[in-house]
């Protein structure tokens, strides 16, 4: 090859060959490749100078530069193969390997923050005697609305912005009554259908609503429903349960308050607020509680007698209370997340923090 190159090009090839012969690593070879064949290297400089040559010399200069590039790349490839073979031989003979050194750590993923909080809450409620239940995400109207005292003409349905499943041949999707569940309360109905009082259950899960996306609203989010049915249950039992739960979550006593609230499946119904656990001074207010000193935590109330009746439970003998926790809200409170869209965004940079 050198005999077919001009003296100047042959000199460059000799220089490259000398450096390649003493290279001991792939990094060394990459540096040589960068100096000779990459943009800004020797060969790039030769090609850039061609327009300044007399027209009769340009063709030979271009062909010579390309021959030099091919020769350098060929030498580099052979050198890489030699380094690879040397590594294999060294490994076979035990040279260059220290068995006392720690191995290369495999990359590991992490649990989603919703999973972390869900597991923590499941442990808390399990310690309080609750069963953990699950239910289908594609649900029937019967369980999602009807058996929760929300008939077809009930205005509360308008609050749920439901995703109805498309069914071939139906005039309206809602006529068939198959939907993506709008809350986990439908698992309560399935629990009352199968379990005999007394019982305590919680049902964490994913729910779906047609929401306009912003920092606090998402079309897919997570809830946890709780239901207790037995004899002699009162609002006092509900408050005691929630205070016990909050004490376990925040590791200290948290003040709670009830405000009247309307939900078709409970009577009376309440909105339960917790004293903001992030305010440094009681009642001072912060960005989490929007300067109010209170965090809206969950809707709750005593199970409506009609809901018990629809599930075959005698409301004259049994009472119950129910509550719905916003898991996504609790996750945002726990980890100081300011945008709910991060939770379902799938961004590895966000998830790697947990």
Protein backbone atom coordinates (compact mmCIF):
# COMPACT_ATOMS: atom_id res chain seq x y z
CA UNK A 1 0.00 0.00 0.00
CA UNK A 2 2.75 2.45 0.95
CA UNK A 3 4.37 2.04 -2.48
CA UNK A 4 1.19 3.27 -4.19
CA UNK A 5 0.98 6.40 -2.03
CA UNK A 6 2.76 9.66 -2.55
CA UNK A 7 5.70 10.34 -0.19
CA UNK A 8 3.54 12.70 1.90
CA UNK A 9 0.70 10.18 2.26
CA UNK A 10 3.12 7.32 2.93
CA UNK A 11 4.62 9.36 5.75
CA UNK A 12 1.18 9.81 7.31
CA UNK A 13 0.51 6.06 7.04
CA UNK A 14 3.85 5.26 8.68
CA UNK A 15 2.99 7.62 11.55
CA UNK A 16 -0.40 6.02 12.05
CA UNK A 17 1.08 2.52 11.92
CA UNK A 18 3.68 3.41 14.55
CA UNK A 19 1.04 4.69 16.95
CA UNK A 20 -1.21 1.68 16.37
CA UNK A 21 1.61 -0.77 17.10
CA UNK A 22 2.15 0.65 20.59
CA UNK A 23 -1.55 1.12 21.44
CA UNK A 24 -2.63 -0.95 24.46
CA UNK A 25 -6.33 -0.15 24.74
CA UNK A 26 -9.44 0.61 22.72
CA UNK A 27 -9.25 4.20 23.96
CA UNK A 28 -5.80 4.52 22.40
CA UNK A 29 -7.12 3.24 19.08
CA UNK A 30 -10.10 5.60 19.24
CA UNK A 31 -7.73 8.54 19.74
CA UNK A 32 -5.74 7.51 16.66
CA UNK A 33 -8.93 7.14 14.62
CA UNK A 34 -10.05 10.58 15.74
CA UNK A 35 -6.70 12.17 14.80
CA UNK A 36 -6.59 10.62 11.33
CA UNK A 37 -10.09 9.86 10.01
CA UNK A 38 -12.58 12.02 11.94
CA UNK A 39 -13.68 15.53 11.10
CA UNK A 40 -10.74 17.82 11.76
CA UNK A 41 -8.21 14.98 11.39
CA UNK A 42 -5.30 14.52 8.99
CA UNK A 43 -7.33 13.03 6.13
CA UNK A 44 -10.07 15.64 6.46
CA UNK A 45 -7.35 18.30 6.11
CA UNK A 46 -6.02 16.65 2.95
CA UNK A 47 -9.48 16.54 1.39
CA UNK A 48 -10.15 20.16 2.32
CA UNK A 49 -6.98 21.23 0.52
CA UNK A 50 -7.95 19.61 -2.81
CA UNK A 51 -9.81 22.68 -4.20
CA UNK A 52 -6.58 24.71 -3.86
CA UNK A 53 -4.62 22.30 -6.09
CA UNK A 54 -4.29 22.61 -9.86
CA UNK A 55 -7.20 20.86 -11.62
CA UNK A 56 -4.93 18.19 -13.07
CA UNK A 57 -3.76 17.09 -9.60
CA UNK A 58 -7.12 17.02 -7.81
CA UNK A 59 -8.24 13.55 -8.89
CA UNK A 60 -5.03 11.84 -7.79
CA UNK A 61 -5.07 13.78 -4.50
CA UNK A 62 -8.61 12.67 -3.72
CA UNK A 63 -7.92 9.03 -4.57
CA UNK A 64 -4.75 9.10 -2.49
CA UNK A 65 -6.54 10.52 0.55
CA UNK A 66 -9.21 7.83 0.31
CA UNK A 67 -6.57 5.09 0.00
CA UNK A 68 -4.83 6.44 3.09
CA UNK A 69 -8.12 6.48 5.01
CA UNK A 70 -8.87 2.87 4.00
CA UNK A 71 -5.39 1.73 5.03
CA UNK A 72 -5.60 3.42 8.44
CA UNK A 73 -9.06 1.98 9.13
CA UNK A 74 -7.85 -1.49 8.14
CA UNK A 75 -4.92 -1.25 10.54
CA UNK A 76 -7.22 -0.03 13.33
CA UNK A 77 -9.67 -2.90 12.78
CA UNK A 78 -6.87 -5.45 12.91
CA UNK A 79 -5.52 -3.87 16.09
CA UNK A 80 -8.95 -4.01 17.74
CA UNK A 81 -9.22 -7.71 16.91
CA UNK A 82 -5.80 -8.27 18.41
CA UNK A 83 -6.75 -6.54 21.65
CA UNK A 84 -9.96 -8.56 21.87
CA UNK A 85 -8.11 -11.86 21.35
CA UNK A 86 -5.49 -10.89 23.91
CA UNK A 87 -8.26 -10.27 26.43
CA UNK A 88 -9.81 -13.68 25.73
CA UNK A 89 -6.45 -15.44 26.11
CA UNK A 90 -5.72 -13.55 29.32
CA UNK A 91 -9.09 -14.56 30.76
CA UNK A 92 -8.48 -18.22 29.88
CA UNK A 93 -5.08 -18.19 31.55
CA UNK A 94 -6.31 -16.22 34.55
CA UNK A 95 -4.08 -13.25 33.73
CA UNK A 96 -5.50 -9.82 34.31
CA UNK A 97 -8.41 -11.12 36.42
CA UNK A 98 -8.65 -10.53 40.17
CA UNK A 99 -11.40 -12.66 41.74
CA UNK A 100 -11.26 -10.63 44.96
CA UNK A 101 -12.56 -7.47 43.26
CA UNK A 102 -16.34 -6.81 43.37
CA UNK A 103 -18.24 -7.59 40.20
CA UNK A 104 -19.95 -5.06 37.98
CA UNK A 105 -23.25 -4.08 39.56
CA UNK A 106 -26.24 -4.70 37.31
CA UNK A 107 -28.49 -1.67 36.74
CA UNK A 108 -31.58 -1.78 38.93
CA UNK A 109 -34.97 -0.19 38.59
CA UNK A 110 -37.11 1.20 41.38
CA UNK A 111 -40.69 0.96 42.59
CA UNK A 112 -43.16 3.57 41.40
CA UNK A 113 -44.11 6.07 44.15
CA UNK A 114 -47.76 4.99 43.86
CA UNK A 115 -46.69 1.40 44.47
CA UNK A 116 -44.62 2.43 47.49
CA UNK A 117 -47.50 4.32 49.12
CA UNK A 118 -50.05 1.64 48.21
CA UNK A 119 -47.97 -1.07 49.86
CA UNK A 120 -47.52 1.06 52.95
CA UNK A 121 -51.27 1.69 53.25
CA UNK A 122 -52.04 -1.99 52.68
CA UNK A 123 -49.71 -2.85 55.57
CA UNK A 124 -51.41 -0.28 57.80
CA UNK A 125 -54.93 -1.46 57.05
CA UNK A 126 -53.93 -5.13 57.26
CA UNK A 127 -52.65 -4.46 60.78
CA UNK A 128 -56.10 -3.00 61.56
CA UNK A 129 -57.85 -6.20 60.43
CA UNK A 130 -58.80 -5.21 56.88
CA UNK A 131 -58.80 -7.50 53.86
CA UNK A 132 -57.15 -6.22 50.65
CA UNK A 133 -59.46 -6.64 47.66
CA UNK A 134 -59.16 -6.03 43.92
CA UNK A 135 -61.67 -5.70 41.12
CA UNK A 136 -61.89 -5.27 37.33
CA UNK A 137 -60.97 -1.94 35.77
CA UNK A 138 -63.44 -2.53 32.93
CA UNK A 139 -66.67 -2.54 34.90
CA UNK A 140 -70.43 -2.87 34.49
CA UNK A 141 -72.79 0.05 35.00
CA UNK A 142 -74.55 -2.09 37.62
CA UNK A 143 -71.55 -2.11 39.93
CA UNK A 144 -70.15 1.32 39.11
CA UNK A 145 -73.45 3.22 39.43
CA UNK A 146 -76.73 1.33 39.94
CA UNK A 147 -75.84 -0.65 43.07
CA UNK A 148 -74.28 2.48 44.58
CA UNK A 149 -77.64 4.27 44.52
CA UNK A 150 -76.81 6.16 41.30
CA UNK A 151 -79.58 5.24 38.82
CA UNK A 152 -79.50 6.13 35.14
CA UNK A 153 -81.21 9.51 35.59
CA UNK A 154 -79.18 10.54 38.63
CA UNK A 155 -77.32 13.89 38.24
CA UNK A 156 -74.30 12.48 40.09
CA UNK A 157 -73.39 10.59 36.93
CA UNK A 158 -72.54 13.90 35.30
CA UNK A 159 -69.82 14.41 37.91
CA UNK A 160 -67.92 11.30 36.82
CA UNK A 161 -67.14 12.12 33.15
CA UNK A 162 -67.21 8.45 32.26
CA UNK A 163 -65.26 6.58 29.59
CA UNK A 164 -67.88 4.29 28.04
CA UNK A 165 -66.60 1.28 26.11
CA UNK A 166 -67.52 1.22 22.45
CA UNK A 167 -69.79 -1.70 21.54
CA UNK A 168 -70.58 -2.58 17.95
CA UNK A 169 -74.25 -2.11 16.99
CA UNK A 170 -75.22 -0.01 20.03
CA UNK A 171 -76.91 3.32 19.39
CA UNK A 172 -75.04 4.80 22.35
CA UNK A 173 -72.06 3.29 24.16
CA UNK A 174 -73.72 3.97 27.53
CA UNK A 175 -76.72 1.85 26.51
CA UNK A 176 -74.67 -1.36 26.86
CA UNK A 177 -73.32 -0.35 30.26
CA UNK A 178 -69.65 -1.31 29.96
CA UNK A 179 -67.21 1.35 31.14
CA UNK A 180 -63.82 2.09 32.64
CA UNK A 181 -64.52 2.33 36.35
CA UNK A 182 -64.71 5.90 37.62
CA UNK A 183 -63.95 4.96 41.24
CA UNK A 184 -62.99 1.92 43.28
CA UNK A 185 -66.33 2.04 45.11
CA UNK A 186 -67.57 -0.68 42.76
CA UNK A 187 -65.24 -3.10 44.58
CA UNK A 188 -67.26 -2.35 47.73
CA UNK A 189 -70.39 -3.59 45.97
CA UNK A 190 -68.63 -6.80 44.95
CA UNK A 191 -67.43 -7.22 48.55
CA UNK A 192 -70.96 -6.86 49.96
CA UNK A 193 -72.17 -9.33 47.34
CA UNK A 194 -69.73 -12.06 48.43
CA UNK A 195 -68.83 -11.45 52.08
CA UNK A 196 -70.98 -11.94 55.14
CA UNK A 197 -70.96 -9.19 57.81
CA UNK A 198 -69.05 -8.29 59.82
CA UNK A 199 -66.11 -7.46 57.53
CA UNK A 200 -63.54 -4.76 56.84
CA UNK A 201 -62.04 -4.29 53.38
CA UNK A 202 -59.94 -1.82 51.42
CA UNK A 203 -59.60 -1.78 47.65
CA UNK A 204 -56.69 0.13 46.06
CA UNK A 205 -56.72 0.58 42.31
CA UNK A 206 -56.57 2.62 39.16
CA UNK A 207 -59.58 4.63 37.99
CA UNK A 208 -60.43 6.64 34.88
CA UNK A 209 -62.30 9.85 34.14
CA UNK A 210 -62.47 12.23 31.21
CA UNK A 211 -60.56 15.12 32.74
CA UNK A 212 -58.86 18.14 31.22
CA UNK A 213 -55.20 17.53 32.07
CA UNK A 214 -53.40 20.00 34.28
CA UNK A 215 -51.12 19.94 37.32
CA UNK A 216 -53.85 18.58 39.59
CA UNK A 217 -56.07 16.60 37.18
CA UNK A 218 -55.30 13.43 35.24
CA UNK A 219 -57.54 11.06 33.24
CA UNK A 220 -55.92 8.06 34.99
CA UNK A 221 -55.27 8.16 38.72
CA UNK A 222 -55.37 5.97 41.83
CA UNK A 223 -57.77 5.60 44.75
CA UNK A 224 -58.26 3.37 47.75
CA UNK A 225 -61.77 2.60 48.98
CA UNK A 226 -62.50 1.37 52.46
CA UNK A 227 -65.66 -0.32 53.72
CA UNK A 228 -66.65 -1.64 57.14
CA UNK A 229 -69.98 -3.39 57.72
CA UNK A 230 -71.14 -4.71 61.07
CA UNK A 231 -73.56 -4.18 63.94
CA UNK A 232 -73.71 -0.89 65.83
CA UNK A 233 -71.23 1.08 63.72
CA UNK A 234 -71.41 4.87 64.03
CA UNK A 235 -69.70 8.04 62.78
CA UNK A 236 -67.47 7.79 65.85
CA UNK A 237 -66.01 4.53 64.52
CA UNK A 238 -65.34 6.25 61.17
CA UNK A 239 -63.49 9.16 62.82
CA UNK A 240 -61.49 6.81 65.04
CA UNK A 241 -60.47 4.73 62.03
CA UNK A 242 -59.29 7.73 60.06
CA UNK A 243 -57.34 9.19 62.99
CA UNK A 244 -55.62 5.84 63.54
CA UNK A 245 -54.79 5.62 59.85
CA UNK A 246 -53.35 9.16 59.73
CA UNK A 247 -51.29 8.56 62.88
CA UNK A 248 -49.67 5.56 61.19
CA UNK A 249 -49.03 7.44 57.94
CA UNK A 250 -47.51 10.58 59.45
CA UNK A 251 -46.11 8.99 62.63
CA UNK A 252 -47.90 11.49 64.89
CA UNK A 253 -51.39 12.53 65.89
CA UNK A 254 -53.22 14.47 63.16
CA UNK A 255 -56.28 16.57 63.89
CA UNK A 256 -59.27 15.87 61.62
CA UNK A 257 -62.57 17.57 60.93
CA UNK A 258 -65.76 16.60 59.09
CA UNK A 259 -67.65 18.85 56.73
CA UNK A 260 -71.05 17.94 55.28
CA UNK A 261 -70.79 16.40 51.82
CA UNK A 262 -73.19 14.73 49.42
CA UNK A 263 -72.52 11.31 47.92
CA UNK A 264 -75.39 9.08 46.78
CA UNK A 265 -74.03 5.93 48.41
CA UNK A 266 -73.60 7.31 51.96
CA UNK A 267 -75.99 9.02 54.36
CA UNK A 268 -74.90 11.12 56.11
CA UNK A 269 -71.92 12.01 53.90
CA UNK A 270 -68.85 14.01 54.85
CA UNK A 271 -65.67 15.52 53.52
CA UNK A 272 -62.85 14.63 55.91
CA UNK A 273 -60.04 17.17 56.23
CA UNK A 274 -56.76 16.67 58.05
CA UNK A 275 -54.72 19.36 59.74
CA UNK A 276 -51.90 20.05 57.26
CA UNK A 277 -48.89 18.00 58.39
CA UNK A 278 -46.46 20.24 56.50
CA UNK A 279 -47.18 23.60 58.12
CA UNK A 280 -44.43 24.50 60.54
CA UNK A 281 -46.87 26.39 62.82
CA UNK A 282 -50.41 25.11 63.42
CA UNK A 283 -52.81 27.06 61.26
CA UNK A 284 -50.06 29.07 59.59
CA UNK A 285 -50.76 27.70 56.13
CA UNK A 286 -48.38 26.61 53.35
CA UNK A 287 -48.42 25.88 49.61
CA UNK A 288 -49.64 22.31 50.18
CA UNK A 289 -52.81 23.38 52.00
CA UNK A 290 -53.13 26.63 50.02
CA UNK A 291 -52.67 28.70 53.19
CA UNK A 292 -55.78 27.20 54.81
CA UNK A 293 -54.08 24.98 57.36
CA UNK A 294 -56.24 21.99 56.26
CA UNK A 295 -55.79 19.33 53.56
CA UNK A 296 -58.89 17.84 51.92
CA UNK A 297 -58.27 14.14 52.35
CA UNK A 298 -61.26 11.97 51.49
CA UNK A 299 -65.02 11.72 51.12
CA UNK A 300 -66.64 9.37 53.60
CA UNK A 301 -69.86 8.61 55.45
CA UNK A 302 -72.26 5.97 56.70
CA UNK A 303 -73.31 3.49 54.02
CA UNK A 304 -76.75 4.35 52.63
CA UNK A 305 -79.39 1.79 53.73
CA UNK A 306 -80.49 1.37 50.11
CA UNK A 307 -76.93 0.36 49.10
CA UNK A 308 -76.98 -2.31 51.80
CA UNK A 309 -80.38 -3.51 50.67
CA UNK A 310 -79.32 -3.73 47.00
CA UNK A 311 -76.47 -6.02 48.09
CA UNK A 312 -78.69 -8.25 50.19
CA UNK A 313 -77.64 -6.90 53.61
CA UNK A 314 -80.33 -6.11 56.18
CA UNK A 315 -80.01 -2.37 57.05
CA UNK A 316 -82.13 -2.94 60.17
CA UNK A 317 -79.44 -5.20 61.60
CA UNK A 318 -76.23 -3.89 60.07
CA UNK A 319 -74.70 -0.49 59.49
CA UNK A 320 -71.48 0.45 57.81
CA UNK A 321 -69.13 3.25 56.96
CA UNK A 322 -67.09 3.88 53.83
CA UNK A 323 -64.23 6.18 52.85
CA UNK A 324 -62.33 6.93 49.68
CA UNK A 325 -58.67 7.92 49.80
CA UNK A 326 -57.05 9.72 46.90
CA UNK A 327 -53.86 7.65 46.55
CA UNK A 328 -52.44 10.01 43.95
CA UNK A 329 -53.02 12.95 46.29
CA UNK A 330 -51.35 11.12 49.18
CA UNK A 331 -48.34 10.32 46.98
CA UNK A 332 -48.03 13.98 46.00
CA UNK A 333 -48.24 15.01 49.67
CA UNK A 334 -45.73 12.40 50.79
CA UNK A 335 -43.09 13.25 48.16
CA UNK A 336 -43.89 16.94 47.61
CA UNK A 337 -44.78 16.36 43.94
CA UNK A 338 -46.33 19.47 42.41
CA UNK A 339 -47.73 17.98 39.17
CA UNK A 340 -49.91 14.86 39.06
CA UNK A 341 -48.94 14.23 35.43
CA UNK A 342 -45.49 13.07 36.60
CA UNK A 343 -47.08 9.97 38.15
CA UNK A 344 -48.30 8.50 34.86
CA UNK A 345 -45.79 10.17 32.54
CA UNK A 346 -43.31 7.29 32.45
CA UNK A 347 -40.27 9.60 32.61
CA UNK A 348 -37.35 7.48 33.88
CA UNK A 349 -35.63 10.58 35.27
CA UNK A 350 -38.59 11.19 37.58
CA UNK A 351 -39.07 7.54 38.55
CA UNK A 352 -35.38 7.00 39.34
CA UNK A 353 -35.72 9.28 42.37
CA UNK A 354 -37.72 6.66 44.29
